[in-house]
Amino acid sequence: MPFTSDLVGELNTLIHFDLDTTQQGIKIHKTADPEIIAATRRLHAKGLLTQIDGGYLTSLGRDAAEHAQAALTILTSLPYGTSR
């Protein structure tokens, strides 16, 4: 299954979480981009966020955010064997 625009929005939301601490969440304001608001609501409905407007990552959400951030790091790194 390819990434849909909804899934990309959810991944983009997950990469904004600071994984170095569990004491910091995010708050999506009602004036935010409607796509970001919708992505955050979907993540909450899937059990990845504690609040409909963001909040903290659940245990499952933390796993998803770790994987999303790792994938982003891998995909944005230099190709194998390439030096700077």
Protein backbone atom coordinates (compact mmCIF):
# COMPACT_ATOMS: atom_id res chain seq x y z
CA MET A 1 0.00 0.00 0.00
CA PRO A 2 1.54 3.37 -0.96
CA PHE A 3 1.63 6.37 1.35
CA THR A 4 -1.52 8.44 0.99
CA SER A 5 -1.57 12.17 1.64
CA ASP A 6 -3.34 11.43 4.95
CA LEU A 7 -0.54 9.09 6.03
CA VAL A 8 2.11 11.60 4.99
CA GLY A 9 0.34 14.21 7.14
CA GLU A 10 0.37 11.83 10.08
CA LEU A 11 4.06 11.04 9.59
CA ASN A 12 4.84 14.75 9.39
CA THR A 13 3.02 15.25 12.68
CA LEU A 14 4.89 12.41 14.38
CA ILE A 15 8.30 13.80 13.47
CA HIS A 16 7.59 16.95 15.49
CA PHE A 17 7.73 15.09 18.81
CA ASP A 18 10.92 15.33 20.86
CA LEU A 19 11.83 11.73 21.64
CA ASP A 20 14.48 12.76 24.16
CA THR A 21 11.78 13.41 26.76
CA THR A 22 8.35 12.11 27.66
CA GLN A 23 7.54 15.40 29.40
CA GLN A 24 7.00 17.40 26.22
CA GLY A 25 3.99 17.11 23.94
CA ILE A 26 2.54 19.21 21.17
CA LYS A 27 -0.53 21.42 20.90
CA ILE A 28 -2.23 21.93 17.55
CA HIS A 29 -4.19 25.16 17.65
CA LYS A 30 -7.54 25.59 15.92
CA THR A 31 -5.89 28.12 13.58
CA ALA A 32 -3.38 25.54 12.30
CA ASP A 33 -3.49 24.19 8.76
CA PRO A 34 -6.65 22.04 8.41
CA GLU A 35 -4.55 19.11 7.14
CA ILE A 36 -2.44 19.19 10.31
CA ILE A 37 -5.55 19.36 12.49
CA ALA A 38 -7.05 16.39 10.64
CA ALA A 39 -3.82 14.37 10.88
CA THR A 40 -3.62 15.00 14.62
CA ARG A 41 -7.23 13.91 15.10
CA ARG A 42 -6.59 10.71 13.13
CA LEU A 43 -3.51 9.94 15.23
CA HIS A 44 -5.60 10.41 18.38
CA ALA A 45 -8.34 8.15 17.00
CA LYS A 46 -5.70 5.49 16.25
CA GLY A 47 -4.50 5.65 19.86
CA LEU A 48 -1.14 7.29 19.13
CA LEU A 49 -1.81 10.62 20.87
CA THR A 50 -3.38 11.34 24.24
CA GLN A 51 -5.46 14.33 23.10
CA ILE A 52 -7.44 15.14 19.96
CA ASP A 53 -5.36 18.32 19.54
CA GLY A 54 -2.02 16.67 20.23
CA GLY A 55 -0.97 16.12 23.78
CA TYR A 56 1.57 13.41 24.45
CA LEU A 57 2.53 10.26 22.60
CA THR A 58 1.03 7.03 23.87
CA SER A 59 3.30 3.99 24.05
CA LEU A 60 2.19 3.00 20.56
CA GLY A 61 2.59 6.59 19.40
CA ARG A 62 6.14 6.69 20.69
CA ASP A 63 6.96 3.54 18.73
CA ALA A 64 5.44 5.08 15.61
CA ALA A 65 7.28 8.38 16.11
CA GLU A 66 10.59 6.55 16.62
CA HIS A 67 10.09 4.65 13.37
CA ALA A 68 8.94 7.75 11.48
CA GLN A 69 11.93 9.75 12.66
CA ALA A 70 14.33 6.89 11.90
CA ALA A 71 12.91 6.51 8.39
CA LEU A 72 13.26 10.25 7.80
CA THR A 73 16.89 10.15 8.95
CA ILE A 74 17.67 7.22 6.67
CA LEU A 75 15.90 8.66 3.65
CA THR A 76 17.50 12.09 3.98
CA SER A 77 21.05 10.82 4.56
CA LEU A 78 23.69 10.66 1.88
CA PRO A 79 23.61 7.62 -0.41
CA TYR A 80 25.69 4.66 0.73
CA GLY A 81 29.34 5.11 -0.15
CA THR A 82 29.00 8.86 -0.69
CA SER A 83 31.17 11.19 1.32
CA ARG A 84 30.71 14.88 2.00
